[in-house]
Protein backbone atom coordinates (compact mmCIF):
# COMPACT_ATOMS: atom_id res chain seq x y z
CA MET A 1 3.76 -6.45 -26.20
CA THR A 2 4.88 -6.11 -22.77
CA HIS A 3 7.25 -3.83 -21.19
CA THR A 4 10.30 -4.90 -19.21
CA VAL A 5 9.46 -4.25 -15.51
CA TYR A 6 12.42 -4.36 -13.01
CA LEU A 7 11.65 -5.28 -9.32
CA TYR A 8 13.80 -5.82 -6.41
CA ASN A 9 13.55 -9.63 -5.62
CA THR A 10 14.16 -10.07 -1.80
CA GLU A 11 15.16 -13.64 -2.41
CA GLU A 12 18.14 -12.51 -4.70
CA ARG A 13 18.88 -9.37 -2.81
CA LYS A 14 18.98 -7.25 -6.17
CA LYS A 15 16.85 -5.64 -8.81
CA MET A 16 15.89 -8.10 -11.45
CA PRO A 17 13.88 -8.04 -14.80
CA PHE A 18 10.51 -9.64 -13.86
CA SER A 19 9.17 -12.46 -15.89
CA ALA A 20 5.85 -14.53 -15.49
CA GLU A 21 5.87 -18.46 -15.60
CA GLY A 22 2.61 -18.33 -17.76
CA SER A 23 0.59 -15.86 -19.65
CA THR A 24 -0.91 -14.50 -16.41
CA VAL A 25 0.86 -13.21 -13.42
CA GLY A 26 -0.05 -14.96 -10.18
CA MET A 27 0.28 -12.36 -7.49
CA TYR A 28 -0.29 -13.26 -3.73
CA CYS A 29 -0.45 -10.73 -0.92
CA CYS A 30 -0.70 -11.29 2.77
CA GLY A 31 -3.86 -9.63 4.02
CA PRO A 32 -5.22 -8.35 7.29
CA THR A 33 -5.68 -10.08 10.53
CA VAL A 34 -9.17 -8.68 11.21
CA TYR A 35 -9.12 -8.40 14.85
CA ASN A 36 -8.85 -4.70 15.00
CA TYR A 37 -8.70 -1.71 12.56
CA ALA A 38 -5.89 -1.66 9.95
CA HIS A 39 -3.57 1.38 10.70
CA ILE A 40 -1.95 3.42 8.00
CA GLY A 41 1.23 1.50 8.10
CA ASN A 42 -0.59 -1.50 7.00
CA MET A 43 -2.22 0.38 4.24
CA ARG A 44 0.97 1.84 3.01
CA THR A 45 1.81 -1.76 2.18
CA TYR A 46 -1.44 -2.40 0.24
CA ILE A 47 -0.92 0.79 -1.72
CA PHE A 48 2.47 -0.27 -2.70
CA GLU A 49 1.03 -3.67 -3.67
CA ASP A 50 -1.84 -1.97 -5.69
CA VAL A 51 0.93 0.17 -7.57
CA LEU A 52 2.87 -2.94 -8.38
CA LYS A 53 -0.29 -4.66 -9.84
CA ARG A 54 -1.15 -1.57 -11.74
CA VAL A 55 2.38 -1.19 -13.28
CA LEU A 56 2.18 -4.90 -14.29
CA ARG A 57 -1.07 -4.31 -16.09
CA LEU A 58 0.13 -1.17 -17.61
CA ALA A 59 3.20 -3.05 -18.98
CA GLY A 60 0.79 -5.40 -20.71
CA TYR A 61 0.64 -8.47 -18.10
CA PRO A 62 -2.85 -10.00 -17.26
CA VAL A 63 -2.62 -10.15 -13.25
CA ARG A 64 -4.41 -12.67 -11.05
CA HIS A 65 -4.50 -11.22 -7.62
CA VAL A 66 -5.08 -13.00 -4.31
CA VAL A 67 -5.22 -11.34 -0.83
CA ASN A 68 -6.15 -13.51 2.11
CA ILE A 69 -8.28 -12.61 5.21
CA THR A 70 -6.77 -13.88 8.46
CA ASP A 71 -9.66 -14.63 10.75
CA VAL A 72 -8.06 -17.35 12.77
CA GLY A 73 -4.75 -18.64 14.03
CA HIS A 74 -2.58 -15.44 14.36
CA LEU A 75 -1.08 -15.54 17.79
CA THR A 76 0.14 -12.41 19.77
CA SER A 77 3.80 -13.83 19.22
CA ASP A 78 5.42 -15.09 16.18
CA ALA A 79 7.04 -17.75 18.35
CA ASP A 80 3.67 -19.49 18.67
CA LYS A 81 3.13 -18.27 22.06
CA GLY A 82 0.34 -16.18 23.42
CA ASP A 83 -3.17 -15.70 22.67
CA ASP A 84 -4.99 -15.82 19.30
CA LYS A 85 -5.68 -12.24 18.24
CA MET A 86 -9.17 -12.79 17.06
CA GLU A 87 -10.06 -14.18 20.60
CA LEU A 88 -8.63 -11.23 22.20
CA GLY A 89 -10.45 -8.90 19.94
CA ALA A 90 -13.63 -10.57 20.93
CA ALA A 91 -12.96 -10.41 24.57
CA ARG A 92 -12.01 -6.80 24.28
CA GLU A 93 -15.21 -5.84 22.82
CA GLY A 94 -17.49 -8.29 24.25
CA LYS A 95 -18.47 -9.70 20.80
CA SER A 96 -18.27 -13.13 19.17
CA VAL A 97 -15.09 -13.77 17.08
CA TRP A 98 -17.34 -14.10 14.11
CA ASP A 99 -18.90 -10.63 14.66
CA ILE A 100 -15.34 -9.16 15.27
CA ALA A 101 -14.06 -10.78 12.02
CA ARG A 102 -17.23 -9.54 10.03
CA HIS A 103 -16.83 -5.92 11.43
CA TYR A 104 -13.15 -5.37 10.81
CA THR A 105 -13.24 -7.04 7.43
CA GLU A 106 -15.93 -4.60 6.37
CA SER A 107 -13.83 -1.69 7.79
CA PHE A 108 -10.76 -2.91 5.75
CA MET A 109 -12.69 -3.35 2.59
CA GLN A 110 -13.84 0.36 3.05
CA HIS A 111 -10.41 1.63 3.60
CA VAL A 112 -9.43 -0.26 0.43
CA ALA A 113 -12.11 1.56 -1.58
CA ASP A 114 -11.29 4.90 -0.03
CA LEU A 115 -7.72 4.60 -1.24
CA ASN A 116 -8.63 3.45 -4.85
CA ILE A 117 -6.83 0.26 -4.25
CA ASP A 118 -8.10 -2.14 -6.81
CA GLU A 119 -9.62 -5.24 -5.33
CA PRO A 120 -7.89 -8.49 -5.72
CA ASP A 121 -9.67 -11.15 -7.75
CA VAL A 122 -10.12 -13.56 -4.68
CA TRP A 123 -10.44 -12.65 -1.16
CA PRO A 124 -9.90 -16.15 0.65
CA ARG A 125 -10.80 -16.51 4.17
CA ALA A 126 -8.71 -18.66 6.64
CA THR A 127 -11.60 -20.13 8.19
CA GLU A 128 -12.91 -21.36 4.80
CA HIS A 129 -9.79 -23.36 3.91
CA ILE A 130 -9.32 -25.48 6.88
CA SER A 131 -9.47 -28.54 4.91
CA GLU A 132 -6.79 -27.45 2.63
CA MET A 133 -4.57 -26.57 5.52
CA ILE A 134 -5.11 -30.06 6.96
CA ASP A 135 -4.22 -31.62 3.78
CA LEU A 136 -0.74 -29.55 3.53
CA ILE A 137 0.13 -30.69 7.17
CA THR A 138 -0.76 -34.34 6.15
CA ALA A 139 1.72 -34.27 3.33
CA LEU A 140 4.40 -32.73 5.44
CA GLU A 141 3.66 -35.59 8.03
CA LYS A 142 4.01 -38.23 5.38
CA LYS A 143 7.42 -36.73 4.25
CA GLY A 144 8.74 -36.71 7.95
CA TYR A 145 8.89 -33.05 8.41
CA THR A 146 6.62 -32.93 11.57
CA TYR A 147 6.46 -33.93 15.23
CA ILE A 148 3.86 -33.61 17.88
CA THR A 149 3.93 -32.01 21.27
CA SER A 150 1.43 -31.54 23.95
CA ASP A 151 0.33 -28.36 22.44
CA GLY A 152 0.22 -29.09 18.77
CA VAL A 153 1.90 -30.33 15.56
CA TYR A 154 5.30 -28.51 14.60
CA PHE A 155 7.47 -28.28 11.75
CA ASP A 156 10.98 -29.68 12.22
CA THR A 157 13.17 -27.07 10.62
CA SER A 158 16.34 -29.14 11.15
CA LYS A 159 14.76 -31.53 8.41
CA TYR A 160 14.71 -28.82 5.96
CA PRO A 161 18.19 -27.63 5.14
CA ALA A 162 17.31 -24.67 3.08
CA TYR A 163 15.21 -23.07 5.96
CA ALA A 164 17.66 -20.32 6.70
CA ASP A 165 18.45 -19.27 2.91
CA PHE A 166 15.60 -16.89 2.10
CA ALA A 167 16.09 -14.66 5.20
CA GLN A 168 19.84 -15.33 5.13
CA LEU A 169 19.83 -16.58 8.68
CA ASN A 170 22.44 -18.25 10.57
CA ALA A 171 20.47 -21.24 11.33
CA ASP A 172 23.19 -22.95 13.65
CA GLU A 173 23.60 -19.79 15.75
CA MET A 174 19.85 -19.46 16.18
CA GLN A 175 19.56 -23.11 17.38
CA GLU A 176 22.30 -22.76 19.82
CA GLY A 177 22.18 -21.01 23.19
CA SER A 178 18.76 -19.69 22.95
CA ARG A 179 17.36 -18.29 26.25
CA VAL A 180 13.87 -18.28 24.85
CA ASP A 181 11.77 -20.63 26.50
CA MET A 182 10.85 -23.27 23.62
CA GLY A 183 8.46 -25.41 25.76
CA GLU A 184 8.60 -28.86 23.90
CA LYS A 185 9.98 -27.44 20.56
CA LYS A 186 13.08 -29.14 19.37
CA HIS A 187 14.65 -26.14 17.86
CA LYS A 188 14.10 -22.53 18.31
CA THR A 189 13.06 -21.91 14.59
CA ASP A 190 10.43 -24.78 14.70
CA PHE A 191 6.90 -23.40 14.28
CA ALA A 192 3.28 -24.61 14.71
CA LEU A 193 1.30 -26.15 11.98
CA TRP A 194 -1.81 -26.99 14.02
CA LYS A 195 -2.35 -25.95 17.63
CA PHE A 196 -4.48 -27.99 20.07
CA SER A 197 -7.31 -26.37 21.89
CA PRO A 198 -6.91 -26.19 25.68
CA THR A 199 -8.54 -29.02 27.51
CA THR A 200 -9.91 -26.86 30.15
CA THR A 201 -11.81 -24.22 28.03
CA GLN A 202 -13.46 -24.27 24.69
CA ARG A 203 -12.44 -22.03 22.06
CA ALA A 204 -14.89 -20.28 19.80
CA MET A 205 -12.79 -21.22 16.69
CA GLU A 206 -11.73 -24.89 16.69
CA TRP A 207 -11.97 -27.81 14.28
CA ASP A 208 -11.36 -31.59 14.26
CA SER A 209 -8.25 -32.72 12.62
CA PRO A 210 -6.25 -36.04 12.35
CA TRP A 211 -4.21 -34.96 15.38
CA GLY A 212 -7.05 -33.46 17.66
CA VAL A 213 -9.59 -30.57 17.81
CA GLY A 214 -7.80 -27.17 17.44
CA PHE A 215 -6.86 -24.52 14.97
CA PRO A 216 -4.25 -23.82 12.14
CA GLY A 217 -1.12 -22.07 12.70
CA TRP A 218 -0.73 -18.74 10.95
CA HIS A 219 1.98 -19.65 8.39
CA ILE A 220 0.16 -22.63 6.98
CA GLU A 221 -2.92 -20.60 6.16
CA CYS A 222 -1.13 -18.40 3.44
CA SER A 223 0.97 -21.38 2.01
CA ALA A 224 -2.53 -23.45 1.60
CA MET A 225 -4.49 -20.58 0.16
CA SER A 226 -1.85 -19.21 -2.07
CA VAL A 227 -1.21 -22.46 -3.81
CA LYS A 228 -4.89 -23.36 -4.01
CA TYR A 229 -5.76 -20.30 -6.03
CA LEU A 230 -2.32 -19.67 -7.87
CA GLY A 231 -0.62 -22.87 -8.12
CA GLN A 232 3.33 -23.25 -8.10
CA PRO A 233 5.40 -21.35 -8.53
CA LEU A 234 3.73 -18.16 -7.67
CA ASP A 235 4.98 -15.34 -9.80
CA ILE A 236 4.99 -12.73 -6.99
CA HIS A 237 4.45 -12.78 -3.12
CA CYS A 238 4.35 -9.31 -1.54
CA GLY A 239 4.16 -8.25 2.01
CA GLY A 240 5.71 -6.03 4.58
CA ILE A 241 9.51 -6.36 5.38
CA ASP A 242 8.72 -7.54 8.80
CA HIS A 243 7.44 -10.79 7.24
CA VAL A 244 10.70 -12.00 5.75
CA GLN A 245 12.50 -13.48 8.74
CA VAL A 246 9.52 -15.70 10.03
CA HIS A 247 6.21 -15.68 8.21
CA HIS A 248 7.67 -15.89 4.57
CA THR A 249 10.45 -18.09 5.61
CA ASN A 250 8.07 -20.53 7.04
CA GLU A 251 5.81 -20.34 4.13
CA ILE A 252 8.47 -21.24 1.89
CA ALA A 253 9.64 -24.22 4.02
CA GLN A 254 6.11 -25.61 4.44
CA VAL A 255 5.34 -25.49 0.66
CA GLU A 256 8.54 -26.58 -0.67
CA ALA A 257 9.19 -29.25 1.79
CA ALA A 258 5.67 -30.87 0.93
CA THR A 259 5.73 -30.46 -2.70
CA GLY A 260 9.39 -30.60 -3.59
CA LYS A 261 8.70 -27.73 -5.97
CA LYS A 262 9.70 -23.85 -5.80
CA TYR A 263 7.08 -21.83 -4.04
CA CYS A 264 7.49 -18.39 -5.61
CA ASN A 265 9.88 -16.81 -8.15
CA THR A 266 9.76 -13.16 -7.06
CA TRP A 267 9.41 -11.82 -3.49
CA VAL A 268 8.58 -8.01 -3.15
CA HIS A 269 8.46 -6.41 0.41
CA GLY A 270 7.65 -2.78 1.39
CA GLU A 271 9.46 -1.00 4.24
CA PHE A 272 7.65 0.41 7.46
CA MET A 273 5.80 3.51 7.94
CA VAL A 274 7.19 4.94 11.30
CA MET A 275 6.47 7.61 13.82
CA ASP A 276 8.68 9.44 15.93
CA SER A 277 8.27 6.67 18.60
CA GLY A 278 9.26 3.87 16.09
CA LYS A 279 7.48 1.39 14.00
CA MET A 280 3.55 1.71 13.76
CA SER A 281 2.19 -1.21 15.56
CA LYS A 282 -1.33 -2.15 16.98
CA SER A 283 0.09 -4.13 19.62
CA LYS A 284 1.79 -0.98 21.13
CA GLY A 285 -1.45 1.04 20.81
CA GLY A 286 -1.64 4.63 19.77
CA PHE A 287 -1.96 3.82 15.95
CA VAL A 288 -3.36 6.03 13.43
CA THR A 289 -6.08 4.62 11.05
CA LEU A 290 -7.54 6.18 7.70
CA ASP A 291 -10.73 7.12 9.63
CA THR A 292 -8.47 9.40 11.74
CA LEU A 293 -7.38 11.22 8.79
CA LYS A 294 -10.99 11.32 7.26
CA ASP A 295 -12.22 12.55 10.73
CA ALA A 296 -9.77 15.37 10.29
CA GLY A 297 -11.43 16.47 6.88
CA MET A 298 -8.65 15.12 4.70
CA ASN A 299 -9.33 13.37 1.43
CA PRO A 300 -8.25 9.65 1.90
CA LEU A 301 -6.35 9.98 -1.41
CA ALA A 302 -3.99 12.70 0.21
CA PHE A 303 -2.69 9.63 1.94
CA ARG A 304 -2.15 7.70 -1.02
CA LEU A 305 -0.30 10.73 -2.47
CA PHE A 306 1.72 10.94 0.78
CA CYS A 307 2.86 7.37 0.26
CA PHE A 308 4.24 8.26 -3.17
CA SER A 309 6.61 10.68 -1.51
CA ALA A 310 9.11 7.90 -0.61
CA HIS A 311 10.03 4.83 -2.33
CA TYR A 312 8.19 1.77 -1.19
CA ARG A 313 11.74 0.36 0.03
CA SER A 314 12.41 3.11 2.19
CA PRO A 315 10.99 3.81 5.53
CA LEU A 316 8.36 6.67 5.37
CA THR A 317 7.87 8.79 8.63
CA PHE A 318 4.36 9.84 9.24
CA SER A 319 3.09 13.07 10.71
CA MET A 320 -0.23 14.57 10.71
CA GLU A 321 1.33 17.78 9.33
CA MET A 322 2.77 15.81 6.28
CA VAL A 323 -0.31 14.39 5.33
CA VAL A 324 -2.17 17.85 5.52
CA GLU A 325 0.48 19.09 3.27
CA ALA A 326 -0.18 15.97 0.83
CA ASP A 327 -3.89 17.04 1.04
CA LYS A 328 -3.08 20.57 -0.19
CA THR A 329 -0.71 19.07 -2.81
CA LEU A 330 -3.58 16.91 -3.99
CA ARG A 331 -5.93 19.91 -4.35
CA ARG A 332 -3.16 21.73 -6.38
CA LEU A 333 -2.57 18.79 -8.77
CA ILE A 334 -6.39 18.45 -9.38
CA LYS A 335 -6.44 22.33 -10.33
CA ALA A 336 -3.38 22.03 -12.39
CA VAL A 337 -5.01 19.10 -14.46
CA GLN A 338 -8.03 21.32 -14.88
CA LYS A 339 -6.25 24.13 -16.26
CA ASN A 340 -3.51 22.48 -18.41
CA CYS A 341 -5.66 19.39 -19.75
CA ARG A 342 -8.28 19.51 -22.36
CA PRO A 343 -10.21 16.46 -23.56
CA GLY A 344 -10.12 15.78 -27.30
CA ALA A 345 -9.22 13.27 -29.93
CA TYR A 346 -5.61 12.67 -29.70
CA SER A 347 -4.30 9.87 -31.94
CA GLU A 348 -0.66 10.65 -31.96
CA ASP A 349 1.89 8.28 -30.15
CA LEU A 350 2.31 9.06 -26.63
CA SER A 351 5.61 7.40 -26.17
CA GLU A 352 7.85 10.36 -26.13
CA VAL A 353 5.49 12.20 -23.66
CA MET A 354 5.19 9.09 -21.40
CA ALA A 355 8.87 8.30 -21.45
CA GLY A 356 9.84 9.68 -18.02
CA PHE A 357 6.61 8.21 -16.51
CA TYR A 358 7.42 4.60 -17.82
CA LYS A 359 11.14 4.94 -16.86
CA ALA A 360 10.21 5.67 -13.33
CA VAL A 361 7.35 3.06 -12.75
CA PHE A 362 9.07 0.33 -14.70
CA ASP A 363 12.26 0.71 -12.75
CA ASP A 364 11.09 -0.78 -9.28
CA LEU A 365 7.98 1.45 -8.97
CA ASN A 366 9.69 4.53 -8.45
CA MET A 367 6.61 6.79 -7.50
CA PRO A 368 8.50 9.99 -6.38
CA LYS A 369 10.16 10.11 -9.85
CA ALA A 370 6.75 9.45 -11.41
CA LEU A 371 5.32 12.41 -9.46
CA ALA A 372 8.18 14.64 -10.59
CA TRP A 373 7.53 13.81 -14.29
CA LEU A 374 3.80 14.70 -13.75
CA TRP A 375 4.46 17.99 -12.45
CA THR A 376 6.98 18.64 -15.28
CA LEU A 377 4.23 17.55 -17.82
CA LEU A 378 1.64 19.87 -16.60
CA ARG A 379 4.03 22.91 -16.72
CA ASP A 380 5.52 22.03 -20.17
CA GLN A 381 4.04 24.73 -22.45
CA LYS A 382 5.42 22.89 -25.63
CA ILE A 383 3.05 19.95 -25.12
CA SER A 384 -0.51 20.47 -26.12
CA ALA A 385 -3.34 20.35 -23.77
CA GLU A 386 -4.78 17.29 -25.49
CA ALA A 387 -1.75 15.38 -25.41
CA LYS A 388 -1.38 16.26 -21.49
CA GLU A 389 -4.97 14.89 -20.96
CA ALA A 390 -4.06 11.65 -22.73
CA ALA A 391 -0.87 11.38 -20.74
CA VAL A 392 -2.29 12.00 -17.46
CA ARG A 393 -5.19 9.63 -18.25
CA ARG A 394 -2.71 6.93 -18.81
CA ALA A 395 -0.67 7.61 -15.90
CA GLU A 396 -3.82 7.83 -13.65
CA GLU A 397 -4.06 3.96 -14.35
CA VAL A 398 -1.05 3.79 -11.70
CA PHE A 399 -1.57 6.96 -9.61
CA ALA A 400 -5.28 6.37 -9.11
CA LEU A 401 -5.59 9.86 -7.45
CA ASP A 402 -8.94 10.92 -9.27
CA LEU A 403 -6.84 13.83 -10.71
CA PHE A 404 -9.85 14.42 -13.06
CA SER A 405 -12.37 14.98 -10.26
CA VAL A 406 -13.85 18.47 -10.35
CA GLU A 407 -12.50 20.77 -7.79
CA GLU A 408 -14.93 23.43 -7.12
CA PRO A 409 -13.24 26.82 -6.69
CA SER A 410 -13.60 28.83 -3.61
CA CYS A 411 -13.61 32.43 -3.60
CA GLU A 412 -12.11 34.61 -0.57
CA GLN A 413 -12.88 38.32 -1.12
CA VAL A 414 -10.25 40.87 0.07
CA GLY A 415 -11.60 44.30 -0.75
CA ASN A 416 -12.00 44.47 -4.67
CA VAL A 417 -9.81 41.25 -5.08
CA CYS A 418 -11.15 37.72 -5.21
CA PHE A 419 -8.66 34.89 -4.29
CA MET A 420 -9.70 31.74 -6.25
CA SER A 421 -8.93 28.55 -4.23
CA MET A 422 -5.88 30.06 -2.66
CA GLU A 423 -6.58 28.72 0.95
CA ASP A 424 -3.04 27.63 1.30
CA VAL A 425 -1.46 31.14 0.54
CA PRO A 426 -0.33 32.83 3.65
CA SER A 427 -2.33 36.07 4.61
CA GLU A 428 0.92 38.21 4.33
CA GLU A 429 1.50 36.99 0.74
CA LYS A 430 -2.22 37.74 0.05
CA GLU A 431 -1.77 41.34 1.29
CA GLU A 432 1.10 41.79 -1.06
CA ILE A 433 -0.79 40.35 -3.92
CA ALA A 434 -3.71 42.52 -3.21
CA THR A 435 -1.41 45.69 -3.13
CA LEU A 436 0.00 44.71 -6.54
CA VAL A 437 -3.52 44.24 -7.84
CA GLU A 438 -4.75 47.57 -6.71
CA ASP A 439 -1.58 49.23 -8.04
CA ARG A 440 -2.14 47.79 -11.32
CA LYS A 441 -5.71 48.95 -11.43
CA ALA A 442 -4.61 52.52 -10.52
CA ALA A 443 -2.08 52.38 -13.49
CA ARG A 444 -4.82 51.36 -15.89
CA ARG A 445 -6.95 54.17 -14.63
CA GLU A 446 -4.12 56.40 -15.43
CA LYS A 447 -3.52 54.79 -18.77
CA ASP A 448 -0.21 53.90 -17.77
CA PHE A 449 -0.24 50.50 -19.42
CA ALA A 450 3.43 49.79 -19.31
CA ARG A 451 3.43 50.03 -15.67
CA ALA A 452 0.19 47.91 -15.49
CA ASP A 453 1.75 45.19 -17.59
CA ALA A 454 4.78 45.17 -15.46
CA LEU A 455 2.75 44.76 -12.35
CA ARG A 456 0.87 41.76 -14.14
CA ASP A 457 4.38 40.25 -14.94
CA ARG A 458 5.49 40.44 -11.23
CA LEU A 459 2.20 38.76 -10.19
CA ALA A 460 3.02 36.19 -12.90
CA GLU A 461 6.28 35.50 -11.35
CA LYS A 462 4.71 34.66 -8.23
CA GLY A 463 2.43 32.21 -10.14
CA VAL A 464 -0.53 34.37 -9.91
CA VAL A 465 -2.91 35.02 -12.93
CA LEU A 466 -5.54 37.70 -13.03
CA ARG A 467 -8.96 37.91 -14.71
CA ASP A 468 -10.84 41.26 -14.72
CA ARG A 469 -14.56 41.14 -13.83
CA PRO A 470 -17.03 43.39 -15.32
CA ASP A 471 -18.14 44.52 -11.81
CA GLY A 472 -14.53 45.91 -11.37
CA THR A 473 -13.29 43.20 -8.96
CA VAL A 474 -10.26 41.11 -10.02
CA GLU A 475 -9.91 37.33 -9.85
CA CYS A 476 -6.53 35.91 -8.60
CA GLU A 477 -5.68 32.32 -9.14
CA GLN A 478 -2.36 30.57 -8.45
CA ILE A 479 -1.17 28.41 -11.16
């Protein structure tokens, strides 16, 4: 039996119950262009897509997941102008485009592993699917959707009346009065299917085609690879919100014009991660990578947790301070799981315990609410430690935060007080706690047990539990 999952479908501009065409969900996600390191804004998108896949599986859906690797054809401008990003990367580093693709693909795969992102079933590379792209362009040509200019083969958007529907564009306004240099393009929205190689220089990546030596346009790559591995219609297509107006609009036009069939049933898009200066972007420089956080001593999963602090359809502002706080929060979560959960045979129905979690994640992947549920569960004294263990393990199928990893306690000795794993507590607060502990010890020596118990209660109100050691020292730990 499957649970109902509600997702915001970009095409319909509303939240809808998800349904699959067949027994297995076909899910396609736009992958990286491997000319540079993926920045953490990119990785936020892959984390939300990972959560989506995990939630669908939790709901009872088998998922076939495809993420492409763009290693050719992505130009520096969405308007089919500028240089190939792969060629630029090679020139920047004095390496071949193939070495650039290999290096940055390996880096991306490592970041995927670091973030506990479940790998897709297929990682198709654009350079390995040129024949499929040529076949799709040929089909479009036979149906009259293309024209040829001196620099390539273009899709004529005026021949496809539904072109503006997905992004809700005003196509007439876009075609009229454009101040953009269109070159030989007939309409502003027309886009390249195949670009010809320059006659004066030889490109590192180029292929023969029925129209001449060249390379594929960026949009044709995703269309050809997604249909090859998932068929039509796709159940879900994901990506960043910036792909709606151009890339995904063009994907739809290509596939539906060529086949006459619907391309995808549900479109799910994630919002930007922003910095104070605006959207994070490799082209503007100064971007932050996962390695930046790792080099600063942070657990990569702290960034995953940080992404859960906002809904995937809301912008998320990045600051190093906020990720540092997420790193501390992750350590506290792991400690809370260690203290409040206990493995054991638990055969009772978890439905009531899990209800809040299911309500959150099945309602358009509401991870902030799912996190709130987790903290409430761990603090609920009415739920057994065995039930908590079973519930957290179920929720970890989505969270993937390694909550059952062992957090070795640290001890900071201050006089006769040992602060266990309390690095995050301000020194002033530790001094106050140490004073209360010493007052309690004095009360016990004087056999004033009522006062000693009252002091223990004051410490408990601060979330501090005490353990008296045989050597006379006292362990303090924060719940």
